Amino acid sequence: MLSLSLLTGLVAALPLISATPVPVPIPSLPVTNHTLAARAPQWFEGPWWNFPPMSAWLGFDDLFGRNIPSMRAMGSTWDDIGRINVAIRECAKLGVDERVILAIIMQESHGDVGAPTTYSPDGLPTAGIMQCWNCPGFPRQYGLSQEQITSMIRGGTQHFKRDLVIEGDGWLAEDIYPALRRYNSGNVNYDNLSDGRGATASYVSDIAQRLTGWTD
């Protein structure tokens, strides 16, 4: 596993990015994402309080280090990975926990900056490292610039932030877990956050376990 000191040096060596966000249009339609099937070793279902508490989540640096091998396996270069780190920290300023941004990235694309664009049954494209509607994507491209990577993560974070606002806009499990369900399926069964309603049923369960340290 890459040490924190080496990762810090990698990130420090990258060019600084502008702190001024580039606007990404947010559609009024629900976001429908297409993720891989359940992979996590456990299964959580029911209301938000049945899922791991935030006190069980690991710190961002720990989580990021654990996921570097998966990012590399998908084809992202060391520079790409360093820029993902920079972009997450920047986009967290929109009001989203950086650990949640990372977990969505790993659930949606395993950190693949060249993730292919997929399409919903209605023909709507979901693109980029966070696989969201109307977000930038760079299919099969690697060695991307900081702005290219930041634009993908900014777009996905803005989508999630919209969902978080609907659920109460708090950095609380009771808001974050339902917002994750909404990000994936466009609507929420509050009695069972593992009711995918046509999307990935295990989405919230998988991400909850990513936040506690599980990787694949």
N, C-alpha and C. Protein backbone atom coordinates (compact mmCIF):
# COMPACT_ATOMS: atom_id res chain seq x y z
N MET A 1 0.85 -1.19 0.00
CA MET A 1 0.00 0.00 0.00
C MET A 1 0.89 1.24 0.00
N LEU A 2 0.54 2.24 -0.78
CA LEU A 2 1.30 3.47 -0.86
C LEU A 2 1.26 4.18 0.46
N SER A 3 2.43 4.61 0.99
CA SER A 3 2.46 5.30 2.28
C SER A 3 1.85 6.68 2.15
N LEU A 4 1.37 7.20 3.28
CA LEU A 4 0.76 8.53 3.29
C LEU A 4 1.78 9.59 2.90
N SER A 5 3.06 9.42 3.36
CA SER A 5 4.07 10.42 3.04
C SER A 5 4.35 10.44 1.54
N LEU A 6 4.37 9.25 0.90
CA LEU A 6 4.62 9.21 -0.54
C LEU A 6 3.46 9.81 -1.31
N LEU A 7 2.23 9.50 -0.87
CA LEU A 7 1.05 10.07 -1.53
C LEU A 7 1.03 11.57 -1.40
N THR A 8 1.38 12.06 -0.17
CA THR A 8 1.40 13.51 0.05
C THR A 8 2.39 14.18 -0.88
N GLY A 9 3.56 13.53 -1.05
CA GLY A 9 4.55 14.08 -1.96
C GLY A 9 4.07 14.08 -3.39
N LEU A 10 3.36 13.03 -3.76
CA LEU A 10 2.80 12.93 -5.12
C LEU A 10 1.83 14.06 -5.39
N VAL A 11 0.92 14.28 -4.42
CA VAL A 11 -0.07 15.33 -4.60
C VAL A 11 0.58 16.70 -4.63
N ALA A 12 1.59 16.92 -3.75
CA ALA A 12 2.25 18.22 -3.68
C ALA A 12 2.96 18.56 -4.98
N ALA A 13 3.39 17.52 -5.69
CA ALA A 13 4.12 17.75 -6.94
C ALA A 13 3.23 18.13 -8.09
N LEU A 14 1.94 18.03 -7.92
CA LEU A 14 1.01 18.32 -8.99
C LEU A 14 0.76 19.81 -9.09
N PRO A 15 0.40 20.32 -10.27
CA PRO A 15 0.10 21.74 -10.40
C PRO A 15 -1.14 22.10 -9.62
N LEU A 16 -1.13 23.30 -9.01
CA LEU A 16 -2.28 23.76 -8.26
C LEU A 16 -3.43 24.06 -9.19
N ILE A 17 -4.65 23.87 -8.71
CA ILE A 17 -5.83 24.15 -9.51
C ILE A 17 -6.49 25.39 -8.99
N SER A 18 -7.29 25.99 -9.83
CA SER A 18 -8.03 27.18 -9.43
C SER A 18 -9.10 26.79 -8.44
N ALA A 19 -9.31 27.65 -7.43
CA ALA A 19 -10.36 27.40 -6.45
C ALA A 19 -11.71 27.88 -6.95
N THR A 20 -11.75 28.47 -8.15
CA THR A 20 -13.00 28.96 -8.70
C THR A 20 -13.69 27.86 -9.47
N PRO A 21 -14.86 27.39 -8.98
CA PRO A 21 -15.53 26.27 -9.66
C PRO A 21 -15.99 26.65 -11.06
N VAL A 22 -15.92 25.70 -11.97
CA VAL A 22 -16.48 25.86 -13.30
C VAL A 22 -17.89 25.31 -13.27
N PRO A 23 -18.91 26.12 -13.57
CA PRO A 23 -20.29 25.65 -13.41
C PRO A 23 -20.58 24.41 -14.24
N VAL A 24 -21.25 23.46 -13.64
CA VAL A 24 -21.74 22.27 -14.34
C VAL A 24 -23.25 22.26 -14.19
N PRO A 25 -24.01 22.28 -15.30
CA PRO A 25 -25.47 22.33 -15.18
C PRO A 25 -26.01 21.12 -14.45
N ILE A 26 -26.95 21.36 -13.54
CA ILE A 26 -27.59 20.29 -12.78
C ILE A 26 -29.01 20.13 -13.29
N PRO A 27 -29.37 18.98 -13.83
CA PRO A 27 -30.69 18.79 -14.40
C PRO A 27 -31.75 18.71 -13.32
N SER A 28 -32.99 18.99 -13.69
CA SER A 28 -34.09 18.88 -12.75
C SER A 28 -34.60 17.45 -12.64
N LEU A 29 -34.22 16.59 -13.59
CA LEU A 29 -34.66 15.20 -13.57
C LEU A 29 -33.85 14.40 -12.56
N PRO A 30 -34.44 13.34 -11.99
CA PRO A 30 -33.68 12.47 -11.09
C PRO A 30 -32.49 11.85 -11.83
N VAL A 31 -31.42 11.63 -11.10
CA VAL A 31 -30.24 11.00 -11.66
C VAL A 31 -30.38 9.50 -11.56
N THR A 32 -30.17 8.81 -12.67
CA THR A 32 -30.19 7.35 -12.67
C THR A 32 -28.81 6.86 -13.01
N ASN A 33 -28.15 6.19 -12.07
CA ASN A 33 -26.80 5.71 -12.27
C ASN A 33 -26.79 4.20 -12.48
N HIS A 34 -25.77 3.73 -13.13
CA HIS A 34 -25.64 2.30 -13.42
C HIS A 34 -24.35 1.81 -12.80
N THR A 35 -24.45 1.04 -11.73
CA THR A 35 -23.28 0.59 -11.02
C THR A 35 -23.18 -0.92 -11.09
N LEU A 36 -22.04 -1.41 -10.64
CA LEU A 36 -21.83 -2.85 -10.61
C LEU A 36 -22.72 -3.49 -9.56
N ALA A 37 -22.95 -4.79 -9.65
CA ALA A 37 -23.80 -5.50 -8.70
C ALA A 37 -23.14 -5.53 -7.32
N ALA A 38 -23.90 -5.97 -6.33
CA ALA A 38 -23.40 -6.03 -4.96
C ALA A 38 -22.10 -6.82 -4.88
N ARG A 39 -21.14 -6.27 -4.17
CA ARG A 39 -19.87 -6.95 -4.01
C ARG A 39 -19.46 -7.04 -2.55
N ALA A 40 -20.01 -6.18 -1.70
CA ALA A 40 -19.58 -6.12 -0.31
C ALA A 40 -19.93 -7.40 0.45
N PRO A 41 -19.14 -7.73 1.47
CA PRO A 41 -19.35 -9.00 2.19
C PRO A 41 -20.59 -9.03 3.06
N GLN A 42 -21.11 -7.87 3.46
CA GLN A 42 -22.30 -7.84 4.30
C GLN A 42 -23.46 -7.20 3.55
N TRP A 43 -24.65 -7.35 4.13
CA TRP A 43 -25.84 -6.78 3.51
C TRP A 43 -26.60 -6.00 4.59
N PHE A 44 -26.79 -4.69 4.32
CA PHE A 44 -27.58 -3.85 5.22
C PHE A 44 -28.86 -3.45 4.50
N GLU A 45 -29.95 -3.40 5.24
CA GLU A 45 -31.21 -2.97 4.66
C GLU A 45 -32.05 -2.33 5.76
N GLY A 46 -33.18 -1.77 5.35
CA GLY A 46 -34.04 -1.10 6.31
C GLY A 46 -33.77 0.40 6.33
N PRO A 47 -34.22 1.11 7.36
CA PRO A 47 -34.01 2.55 7.46
C PRO A 47 -32.55 2.90 7.75
N TRP A 48 -32.24 4.18 7.74
CA TRP A 48 -30.85 4.62 7.82
C TRP A 48 -30.14 4.14 9.08
N TRP A 49 -30.87 3.98 10.19
CA TRP A 49 -30.21 3.61 11.43
C TRP A 49 -29.76 2.16 11.45
N ASN A 50 -30.12 1.38 10.44
CA ASN A 50 -29.64 0.01 10.33
C ASN A 50 -28.27 -0.07 9.66
N PHE A 51 -27.78 1.05 9.18
CA PHE A 51 -26.50 1.09 8.46
C PHE A 51 -25.39 1.55 9.41
N PRO A 52 -24.12 1.29 9.09
CA PRO A 52 -23.02 1.64 10.00
C PRO A 52 -23.03 3.12 10.37
N PRO A 53 -22.84 3.44 11.66
CA PRO A 53 -22.79 4.84 12.08
C PRO A 53 -21.54 5.53 11.56
N MET A 54 -21.60 6.84 11.47
CA MET A 54 -20.45 7.59 10.98
C MET A 54 -19.23 7.41 11.87
N SER A 55 -19.44 7.08 13.12
CA SER A 55 -18.31 6.84 14.02
C SER A 55 -17.48 5.63 13.60
N ALA A 56 -18.08 4.78 12.76
CA ALA A 56 -17.36 3.60 12.26
C ALA A 56 -16.61 3.88 10.96
N TRP A 57 -16.84 5.05 10.36
CA TRP A 57 -16.16 5.39 9.12
C TRP A 57 -14.68 5.67 9.40
N LEU A 58 -13.83 5.31 8.47
CA LEU A 58 -12.41 5.61 8.58
C LEU A 58 -12.13 7.03 8.08
N GLY A 59 -10.93 7.53 8.38
CA GLY A 59 -10.53 8.84 7.91
C GLY A 59 -10.27 8.84 6.41
N PHE A 60 -10.28 10.03 5.84
CA PHE A 60 -10.13 10.14 4.38
C PHE A 60 -8.78 9.60 3.90
N ASP A 61 -7.69 9.97 4.55
CA ASP A 61 -6.38 9.53 4.08
C ASP A 61 -6.26 8.01 4.11
N ASP A 62 -6.79 7.41 5.16
CA ASP A 62 -6.77 5.94 5.27
C ASP A 62 -7.59 5.32 4.14
N LEU A 63 -8.80 5.82 3.94
CA LEU A 63 -9.65 5.27 2.88
C LEU A 63 -9.02 5.44 1.51
N PHE A 64 -8.46 6.61 1.26
CA PHE A 64 -7.86 6.84 -0.05
C PHE A 64 -6.70 5.88 -0.30
N GLY A 65 -5.84 5.72 0.70
CA GLY A 65 -4.71 4.81 0.54
C GLY A 65 -5.14 3.38 0.27
N ARG A 66 -6.20 2.94 0.92
CA ARG A 66 -6.70 1.58 0.72
C ARG A 66 -7.22 1.36 -0.70
N ASN A 67 -7.69 2.43 -1.35
CA ASN A 67 -8.31 2.29 -2.67
C ASN A 67 -7.36 2.53 -3.84
N ILE A 68 -6.15 2.93 -3.56
CA ILE A 68 -5.19 3.18 -4.64
C ILE A 68 -4.96 1.94 -5.51
N PRO A 69 -4.79 0.74 -4.95
CA PRO A 69 -4.59 -0.43 -5.82
C PRO A 69 -5.74 -0.65 -6.81
N SER A 70 -6.98 -0.39 -6.39
CA SER A 70 -8.12 -0.55 -7.30
C SER A 70 -8.06 0.48 -8.42
N MET A 71 -7.69 1.70 -8.08
CA MET A 71 -7.59 2.75 -9.11
C MET A 71 -6.52 2.39 -10.13
N ARG A 72 -5.39 1.90 -9.65
CA ARG A 72 -4.31 1.52 -10.55
C ARG A 72 -4.74 0.35 -11.44
N ALA A 73 -5.47 -0.61 -10.85
CA ALA A 73 -5.91 -1.77 -11.62
C ALA A 73 -6.86 -1.38 -12.74
N MET A 74 -7.59 -0.27 -12.59
CA MET A 74 -8.51 0.18 -13.62
C MET A 74 -7.82 0.95 -14.74
N GLY A 75 -6.54 1.31 -14.54
CA GLY A 75 -5.79 2.00 -15.58
C GLY A 75 -5.43 3.43 -15.27
N SER A 76 -5.95 3.98 -14.17
CA SER A 76 -5.60 5.35 -13.80
C SER A 76 -4.11 5.41 -13.46
N THR A 77 -3.44 6.44 -13.97
CA THR A 77 -2.01 6.59 -13.73
C THR A 77 -1.76 7.16 -12.34
N TRP A 78 -0.51 7.15 -11.92
CA TRP A 78 -0.18 7.75 -10.63
C TRP A 78 -0.54 9.23 -10.61
N ASP A 79 -0.32 9.91 -11.73
CA ASP A 79 -0.70 11.33 -11.79
C ASP A 79 -2.21 11.48 -11.70
N ASP A 80 -2.94 10.61 -12.40
CA ASP A 80 -4.41 10.64 -12.31
C ASP A 80 -4.86 10.49 -10.85
N ILE A 81 -4.25 9.55 -10.14
CA ILE A 81 -4.65 9.27 -8.76
C ILE A 81 -4.36 10.46 -7.86
N GLY A 82 -3.20 11.06 -8.05
CA GLY A 82 -2.89 12.25 -7.27
C GLY A 82 -3.89 13.37 -7.54
N ARG A 83 -4.31 13.50 -8.78
CA ARG A 83 -5.26 14.55 -9.14
C ARG A 83 -6.67 14.23 -8.65
N ILE A 84 -7.02 12.95 -8.56
CA ILE A 84 -8.29 12.58 -7.94
C ILE A 84 -8.30 13.06 -6.49
N ASN A 85 -7.19 12.85 -5.79
CA ASN A 85 -7.09 13.28 -4.39
C ASN A 85 -7.28 14.79 -4.28
N VAL A 86 -6.57 15.54 -5.12
CA VAL A 86 -6.69 17.00 -5.11
C VAL A 86 -8.13 17.42 -5.40
N ALA A 87 -8.74 16.79 -6.40
CA ALA A 87 -10.10 17.16 -6.81
C ALA A 87 -11.12 16.88 -5.72
N ILE A 88 -10.99 15.75 -5.05
CA ILE A 88 -11.94 15.43 -3.96
C ILE A 88 -11.86 16.49 -2.87
N ARG A 89 -10.66 16.85 -2.48
CA ARG A 89 -10.49 17.84 -1.43
C ARG A 89 -11.08 19.19 -1.86
N GLU A 90 -10.90 19.54 -3.11
CA GLU A 90 -11.45 20.80 -3.62
C GLU A 90 -12.97 20.76 -3.66
N CYS A 91 -13.52 19.67 -4.18
CA CYS A 91 -14.97 19.59 -4.36
C CYS A 91 -15.71 19.39 -3.05
N ALA A 92 -15.03 18.91 -2.03
CA ALA A 92 -15.66 18.80 -0.71
C ALA A 92 -16.08 20.17 -0.18
N LYS A 93 -15.47 21.22 -0.71
CA LYS A 93 -15.83 22.59 -0.31
C LYS A 93 -17.25 22.94 -0.72
N LEU A 94 -17.86 22.14 -1.59
CA LEU A 94 -19.25 22.36 -1.97
C LEU A 94 -20.20 21.95 -0.84
N GLY A 95 -19.65 21.31 0.19
CA GLY A 95 -20.48 20.92 1.33
C GLY A 95 -20.78 19.45 1.39
N VAL A 96 -19.84 18.63 0.93
CA VAL A 96 -20.02 17.18 0.95
C VAL A 96 -18.78 16.56 1.59
N ASP A 97 -18.98 15.61 2.49
CA ASP A 97 -17.88 14.92 3.15
C ASP A 97 -16.99 14.27 2.10
N GLU A 98 -15.69 14.54 2.18
CA GLU A 98 -14.76 14.02 1.17
C GLU A 98 -14.75 12.49 1.15
N ARG A 99 -15.03 11.87 2.26
CA ARG A 99 -15.08 10.40 2.30
C ARG A 99 -16.25 9.87 1.47
N VAL A 100 -17.36 10.60 1.49
CA VAL A 100 -18.53 10.19 0.71
C VAL A 100 -18.24 10.33 -0.78
N ILE A 101 -17.58 11.42 -1.16
CA ILE A 101 -17.21 11.60 -2.57
C ILE A 101 -16.34 10.44 -3.03
N LEU A 102 -15.34 10.10 -2.24
CA LEU A 102 -14.45 8.99 -2.60
C LEU A 102 -15.23 7.68 -2.71
N ALA A 103 -16.13 7.42 -1.77
CA ALA A 103 -16.87 6.16 -1.79
C ALA A 103 -17.77 6.07 -3.01
N ILE A 104 -18.38 7.18 -3.41
CA ILE A 104 -19.20 7.18 -4.63
C ILE A 104 -18.32 6.88 -5.84
N ILE A 105 -17.16 7.51 -5.91
CA ILE A 105 -16.24 7.27 -7.02
C ILE A 105 -15.89 5.78 -7.11
N MET A 106 -15.57 5.18 -5.97
CA MET A 106 -15.16 3.77 -5.99
C MET A 106 -16.33 2.85 -6.33
N GLN A 107 -17.53 3.21 -5.90
CA GLN A 107 -18.70 2.40 -6.23
C GLN A 107 -19.05 2.52 -7.71
N GLU A 108 -18.93 3.73 -8.25
CA GLU A 108 -19.35 3.96 -9.63
C GLU A 108 -18.34 3.49 -10.66
N SER A 109 -17.05 3.67 -10.38
CA SER A 109 -16.05 3.40 -11.43
C SER A 109 -14.76 2.77 -10.93
N HIS A 110 -14.65 2.50 -9.63
CA HIS A 110 -13.39 2.02 -9.06
C HIS A 110 -12.25 3.02 -9.28
N GLY A 111 -12.59 4.30 -9.45
CA GLY A 111 -11.55 5.29 -9.64
C GLY A 111 -10.96 5.31 -11.04
N ASP A 112 -11.71 4.84 -12.00
CA ASP A 112 -11.28 4.80 -13.41
C ASP A 112 -11.56 6.15 -14.06
N VAL A 113 -10.51 6.96 -14.28
CA VAL A 113 -10.73 8.29 -14.88
C VAL A 113 -11.18 8.17 -16.33
N GLY A 114 -10.95 7.01 -16.94
CA GLY A 114 -11.38 6.79 -18.32
C GLY A 114 -12.62 5.92 -18.40
N ALA A 115 -13.47 6.00 -17.37
CA ALA A 115 -14.68 5.16 -17.34
C ALA A 115 -15.54 5.41 -18.56
N PRO A 116 -16.11 4.36 -19.14
CA PRO A 116 -16.96 4.54 -20.32
C PRO A 116 -18.28 5.21 -19.95
N THR A 117 -18.88 5.85 -20.92
CA THR A 117 -20.21 6.43 -20.75
C THR A 117 -21.24 5.31 -20.91
N THR A 118 -22.18 5.25 -19.97
CA THR A 118 -23.26 4.26 -20.03
C THR A 118 -24.57 4.98 -20.27
N TYR A 119 -25.62 4.21 -20.55
CA TYR A 119 -26.91 4.81 -20.90
C TYR A 119 -28.04 4.16 -20.12
N SER A 120 -28.99 4.98 -19.70
CA SER A 120 -30.17 4.49 -19.01
C SER A 120 -31.11 3.84 -20.02
N PRO A 121 -32.15 3.13 -19.53
CA PRO A 121 -33.14 2.57 -20.45
C PRO A 121 -33.81 3.63 -21.32
N ASP A 122 -33.82 4.88 -20.83
CA ASP A 122 -34.40 5.98 -21.60
C ASP A 122 -33.40 6.63 -22.55
N GLY A 123 -32.19 6.10 -22.57
CA GLY A 123 -31.18 6.63 -23.46
C GLY A 123 -30.40 7.80 -22.92
N LEU A 124 -30.52 8.09 -21.61
CA LEU A 124 -29.78 9.21 -21.02
C LEU A 124 -28.37 8.76 -20.67
N PRO A 125 -27.35 9.53 -21.06
CA PRO A 125 -25.97 9.13 -20.77
C PRO A 125 -25.57 9.45 -19.34
N THR A 126 -24.82 8.55 -18.72
CA THR A 126 -24.20 8.81 -17.43
C THR A 126 -22.70 8.63 -17.63
N ALA A 127 -21.96 9.67 -17.30
CA ALA A 127 -20.56 9.69 -17.71
C ALA A 127 -19.63 10.03 -16.56
N GLY A 128 -18.36 9.77 -16.80
CA GLY A 128 -17.31 10.20 -15.90
C GLY A 128 -17.05 9.27 -14.74
N ILE A 129 -16.14 9.68 -13.91
CA ILE A 129 -15.67 8.87 -12.79
C ILE A 129 -16.75 8.65 -11.74
N MET A 130 -17.79 9.54 -11.73
CA MET A 130 -18.91 9.39 -10.79
C MET A 130 -20.20 9.01 -11.50
N GLN A 131 -20.12 8.72 -12.80
CA GLN A 131 -21.23 8.18 -13.59
C GLN A 131 -22.54 8.91 -13.34
N CYS A 132 -22.56 10.20 -13.64
CA CYS A 132 -23.79 10.97 -13.43
C CYS A 132 -24.26 11.62 -14.73
N TRP A 133 -25.55 11.91 -14.77
CA TRP A 133 -26.16 12.47 -15.96
C TRP A 133 -25.67 13.89 -16.20
N ASN A 134 -25.33 14.17 -17.46
CA ASN A 134 -24.89 15.49 -17.88
C ASN A 134 -23.55 15.90 -17.27
N CYS A 135 -22.76 14.92 -16.86
CA CYS A 135 -21.43 15.20 -16.32
C CYS A 135 -20.37 14.93 -17.38
N PRO A 136 -19.22 15.61 -17.28
CA PRO A 136 -18.14 15.36 -18.23
C PRO A 136 -17.62 13.93 -18.11
N GLY A 137 -17.13 13.41 -19.20
CA GLY A 137 -16.50 12.10 -19.20
C GLY A 137 -15.39 12.05 -20.25
N PHE A 138 -14.42 11.20 -20.02
CA PHE A 138 -13.28 11.06 -20.93
C PHE A 138 -13.02 9.58 -21.15
N PRO A 139 -13.94 8.89 -21.84
CA PRO A 139 -13.85 7.43 -21.98
C PRO A 139 -12.52 6.97 -22.56
N ARG A 140 -11.94 6.00 -21.85
CA ARG A 140 -10.70 5.34 -22.28
C ARG A 140 -9.52 6.31 -22.42
N GLN A 141 -9.60 7.43 -21.72
CA GLN A 141 -8.49 8.38 -21.73
C GLN A 141 -7.83 8.41 -20.35
N TYR A 142 -6.50 8.47 -20.35
CA TYR A 142 -5.76 8.47 -19.08
C TYR A 142 -4.66 9.53 -19.16
N GLY A 143 -4.07 9.82 -18.01
CA GLY A 143 -3.11 10.91 -17.97
C GLY A 143 -3.82 12.24 -18.18
N LEU A 144 -4.99 12.39 -17.55
CA LEU A 144 -5.81 13.58 -17.74
C LEU A 144 -5.25 14.78 -16.97
N SER A 145 -5.69 15.95 -17.36
CA SER A 145 -5.29 17.16 -16.66
C SER A 145 -6.05 17.28 -15.34
N GLN A 146 -5.54 18.17 -14.48
CA GLN A 146 -6.25 18.38 -13.21
C GLN A 146 -7.67 18.90 -13.46
N GLU A 147 -7.84 19.81 -14.38
CA GLU A 147 -9.18 20.35 -14.63
C GLU A 147 -10.12 19.30 -15.20
N GLN A 148 -9.63 18.42 -16.04
CA GLN A 148 -10.50 17.36 -16.57
C GLN A 148 -11.01 16.46 -15.45
N ILE A 149 -10.11 16.05 -14.56
CA ILE A 149 -10.51 15.18 -13.46
C ILE A 149 -11.41 15.94 -12.48
N THR A 150 -11.05 17.17 -12.18
CA THR A 150 -11.86 17.96 -11.26
C THR A 150 -13.25 18.20 -11.83
N SER A 151 -13.36 18.39 -13.13
CA SER A 151 -14.68 18.64 -13.73
C SER A 151 -15.61 17.45 -13.54
N MET A 152 -15.07 16.23 -13.64
CA MET A 152 -15.90 15.04 -13.43
C MET A 152 -16.35 14.94 -11.99
N ILE A 153 -15.43 15.16 -11.07
CA ILE A 153 -15.76 15.02 -9.65
C ILE A 153 -16.63 16.18 -9.18
N ARG A 154 -16.41 17.34 -9.73
CA ARG A 154 -17.28 18.48 -9.40
C ARG A 154 -18.72 18.21 -9.84
N GLY A 155 -18.87 17.67 -11.06
CA GLY A 155 -20.21 17.38 -11.56
C GLY A 155 -20.94 16.37 -10.69
N GLY A 156 -20.26 15.27 -10.33
CA GLY A 156 -20.88 14.26 -9.49
C GLY A 156 -21.18 14.78 -8.09
N THR A 157 -20.26 15.58 -7.55
CA THR A 157 -20.47 16.13 -6.21
C THR A 157 -21.64 17.10 -6.20
N GLN A 158 -21.79 17.89 -7.24
CA GLN A 158 -22.94 18.79 -7.32
C GLN A 158 -24.25 18.02 -7.38
N HIS A 159 -24.25 16.92 -8.11
CA HIS A 159 -25.45 16.08 -8.16
C HIS A 159 -25.78 15.54 -6.76
N PHE A 160 -24.76 15.00 -6.09
CA PHE A 160 -25.01 14.45 -4.76
C PHE A 160 -25.42 15.54 -3.79
N LYS A 161 -24.81 16.71 -3.89
CA LYS A 161 -25.17 17.81 -3.00
C LYS A 161 -26.64 18.17 -3.16
N ARG A 162 -27.13 18.17 -4.37
CA ARG A 162 -28.56 18.42 -4.59
C ARG A 162 -29.41 17.40 -3.86
N ASP A 163 -29.01 16.13 -3.94
CA ASP A 163 -29.75 15.07 -3.25
C ASP A 163 -29.64 15.23 -1.74
N LEU A 164 -28.47 15.63 -1.27
CA LEU A 164 -28.27 15.82 0.17
C LEU A 164 -29.15 16.95 0.69
N VAL A 165 -29.27 18.01 -0.09
CA VAL A 165 -30.13 19.13 0.31
C VAL A 165 -31.58 18.66 0.48
N ILE A 166 -32.04 17.83 -0.44
CA ILE A 166 -33.40 17.30 -0.35
C ILE A 166 -33.60 16.52 0.94
N GLU A 167 -32.55 15.83 1.38
CA GLU A 167 -32.66 14.98 2.57
C GLU A 167 -32.35 15.70 3.87
N GLY A 168 -32.05 16.99 3.81
CA GLY A 168 -31.81 17.75 5.03
C GLY A 168 -30.50 18.50 5.06
N ASP A 169 -29.57 18.16 4.15
CA ASP A 169 -28.31 18.87 3.98
C ASP A 169 -27.40 18.81 5.20
N GLY A 170 -27.53 17.76 6.01
CA GLY A 170 -26.64 17.63 7.15
C GLY A 170 -25.53 16.63 6.91
N TRP A 171 -24.42 16.79 7.62
CA TRP A 171 -23.36 15.79 7.57
C TRP A 171 -23.69 14.75 8.62
N LEU A 172 -24.85 14.11 8.43
CA LEU A 172 -25.40 13.14 9.37
C LEU A 172 -25.79 11.89 8.61
N ALA A 173 -25.68 10.75 9.26
CA ALA A 173 -26.05 9.49 8.60
C ALA A 173 -27.50 9.52 8.14
N GLU A 174 -28.36 10.16 8.90
CA GLU A 174 -29.79 10.19 8.56
C GLU A 174 -30.07 10.99 7.30
N ASP A 175 -29.14 11.86 6.89
CA ASP A 175 -29.27 12.58 5.63
C ASP A 175 -28.44 11.94 4.52
N ILE A 176 -27.23 11.49 4.86
CA ILE A 176 -26.30 10.99 3.85
C ILE A 176 -26.77 9.68 3.24
N TYR A 177 -27.21 8.74 4.04
CA TYR A 177 -27.62 7.44 3.48
C TYR A 177 -28.83 7.56 2.56
N PRO A 178 -29.89 8.28 2.93
CA PRO A 178 -30.99 8.46 1.97
C PRO A 178 -30.55 9.23 0.71
N ALA A 179 -29.62 10.19 0.86
CA ALA A 179 -29.14 10.93 -0.30
C ALA A 179 -28.39 10.01 -1.25
N LEU A 180 -27.65 9.05 -0.72
CA LEU A 180 -26.98 8.07 -1.57
C LEU A 180 -27.99 7.24 -2.34
N ARG A 181 -29.08 6.84 -1.66
CA ARG A 181 -30.14 6.10 -2.35
C ARG A 181 -30.73 6.94 -3.48
N ARG A 182 -30.95 8.22 -3.21
CA ARG A 182 -31.53 9.11 -4.21
C ARG A 182 -30.56 9.31 -5.38
N TYR A 183 -29.28 9.42 -5.09
CA TYR A 183 -28.28 9.60 -6.15
C TYR A 183 -28.31 8.44 -7.13
N ASN A 184 -28.51 7.25 -6.61
CA ASN A 184 -28.49 6.06 -7.45
C ASN A 184 -29.81 5.79 -8.16
N SER A 185 -30.93 5.95 -7.45
CA SER A 185 -32.22 5.53 -8.01
C SER A 185 -33.19 6.67 -8.30
N GLY A 186 -32.89 7.88 -7.82
CA GLY A 186 -33.76 9.01 -8.12
C GLY A 186 -34.89 9.21 -7.13
N ASN A 187 -35.15 8.23 -6.28
CA ASN A 187 -36.17 8.35 -5.24
C ASN A 187 -35.83 7.39 -4.12
N VAL A 188 -36.55 7.50 -3.01
CA VAL A 188 -36.14 6.80 -1.79
C VAL A 188 -37.32 6.11 -1.11
N ASN A 189 -37.13 4.86 -0.75
CA ASN A 189 -38.02 4.16 0.17
C ASN A 189 -37.34 4.25 1.53
N TYR A 190 -37.80 5.14 2.39
CA TYR A 190 -37.14 5.39 3.66
C TYR A 190 -37.21 4.19 4.60
N ASP A 191 -38.15 3.30 4.38
CA ASP A 191 -38.26 2.10 5.21
C ASP A 191 -37.23 1.05 4.84
N ASN A 192 -36.68 1.16 3.62
CA ASN A 192 -35.66 0.20 3.18
C ASN A 192 -34.76 0.85 2.14
N LEU A 193 -33.61 1.31 2.59
CA LEU A 193 -32.67 1.98 1.69
C LEU A 193 -32.01 1.01 0.72
N SER A 194 -32.27 -0.27 0.87
CA SER A 194 -31.79 -1.26 -0.10
C SER A 194 -32.87 -1.66 -1.10
N ASP A 195 -33.93 -0.88 -1.15
CA ASP A 195 -34.93 -1.01 -2.21
C ASP A 195 -34.46 -0.14 -3.36
N GLY A 196 -33.87 -0.77 -4.38
CA GLY A 196 -33.27 -0.02 -5.48
C GLY A 196 -34.27 0.59 -6.43
N ARG A 197 -35.51 0.12 -6.41
CA ARG A 197 -36.54 0.64 -7.30
C ARG A 197 -36.06 0.69 -8.75
N GLY A 198 -35.45 -0.39 -9.16
CA GLY A 198 -34.97 -0.50 -10.53
C GLY A 198 -33.50 -0.20 -10.70
N ALA A 199 -32.88 0.40 -9.69
CA ALA A 199 -31.45 0.69 -9.74
C ALA A 199 -30.71 -0.39 -8.93
N THR A 200 -29.51 -0.08 -8.45
CA THR A 200 -28.69 -1.05 -7.74
C THR A 200 -29.15 -1.18 -6.30
N ALA A 201 -29.76 -2.30 -5.95
CA ALA A 201 -30.33 -2.47 -4.61
C ALA A 201 -29.28 -2.32 -3.53
N SER A 202 -28.08 -2.83 -3.77
CA SER A 202 -27.03 -2.85 -2.74
C SER A 202 -26.24 -1.55 -2.64
N TYR A 203 -26.65 -0.54 -3.39
CA TYR A 203 -25.83 0.67 -3.52
C TYR A 203 -25.45 1.27 -2.16
N VAL A 204 -26.43 1.54 -1.32
CA VAL A 204 -26.16 2.18 -0.02
C VAL A 204 -25.40 1.21 0.88
N SER A 205 -25.76 -0.05 0.86
CA SER A 205 -25.07 -1.05 1.66
C SER A 205 -23.60 -1.16 1.27
N ASP A 206 -23.33 -1.19 -0.03
CA ASP A 206 -21.95 -1.26 -0.50
C ASP A 206 -21.15 -0.04 -0.07
N ILE A 207 -21.72 1.15 -0.27
CA ILE A 207 -20.99 2.38 0.06
C ILE A 207 -20.76 2.48 1.56
N ALA A 208 -21.73 2.07 2.36
CA ALA A 208 -21.54 2.09 3.81
C ALA A 208 -20.32 1.26 4.20
N GLN A 209 -20.12 0.14 3.54
CA GLN A 209 -18.97 -0.71 3.84
C GLN A 209 -17.68 -0.14 3.28
N ARG A 210 -17.76 0.56 2.16
CA ARG A 210 -16.57 1.26 1.66
C ARG A 210 -16.11 2.30 2.68
N LEU A 211 -17.05 2.98 3.29
CA LEU A 211 -16.73 4.01 4.26
C LEU A 211 -16.10 3.44 5.53
N THR A 212 -16.33 2.17 5.78
CA THR A 212 -15.72 1.52 6.95
C THR A 212 -14.46 0.74 6.59
N GLY A 213 -14.03 0.84 5.33
CA GLY A 213 -12.73 0.29 4.96
C GLY A 213 -12.72 -0.83 3.95
N TRP A 214 -13.89 -1.33 3.55
CA TRP A 214 -13.90 -2.41 2.56
C TRP A 214 -13.50 -1.90 1.19
N THR A 215 -12.72 -2.68 0.48
CA THR A 215 -12.31 -2.34 -0.89
C THR A 215 -12.49 -3.58 -1.77
N ASP A 216 -12.54 -3.35 -3.06
CA ASP A 216 -12.58 -4.46 -4.01
C ASP A 216 -11.82 -4.09 -5.28
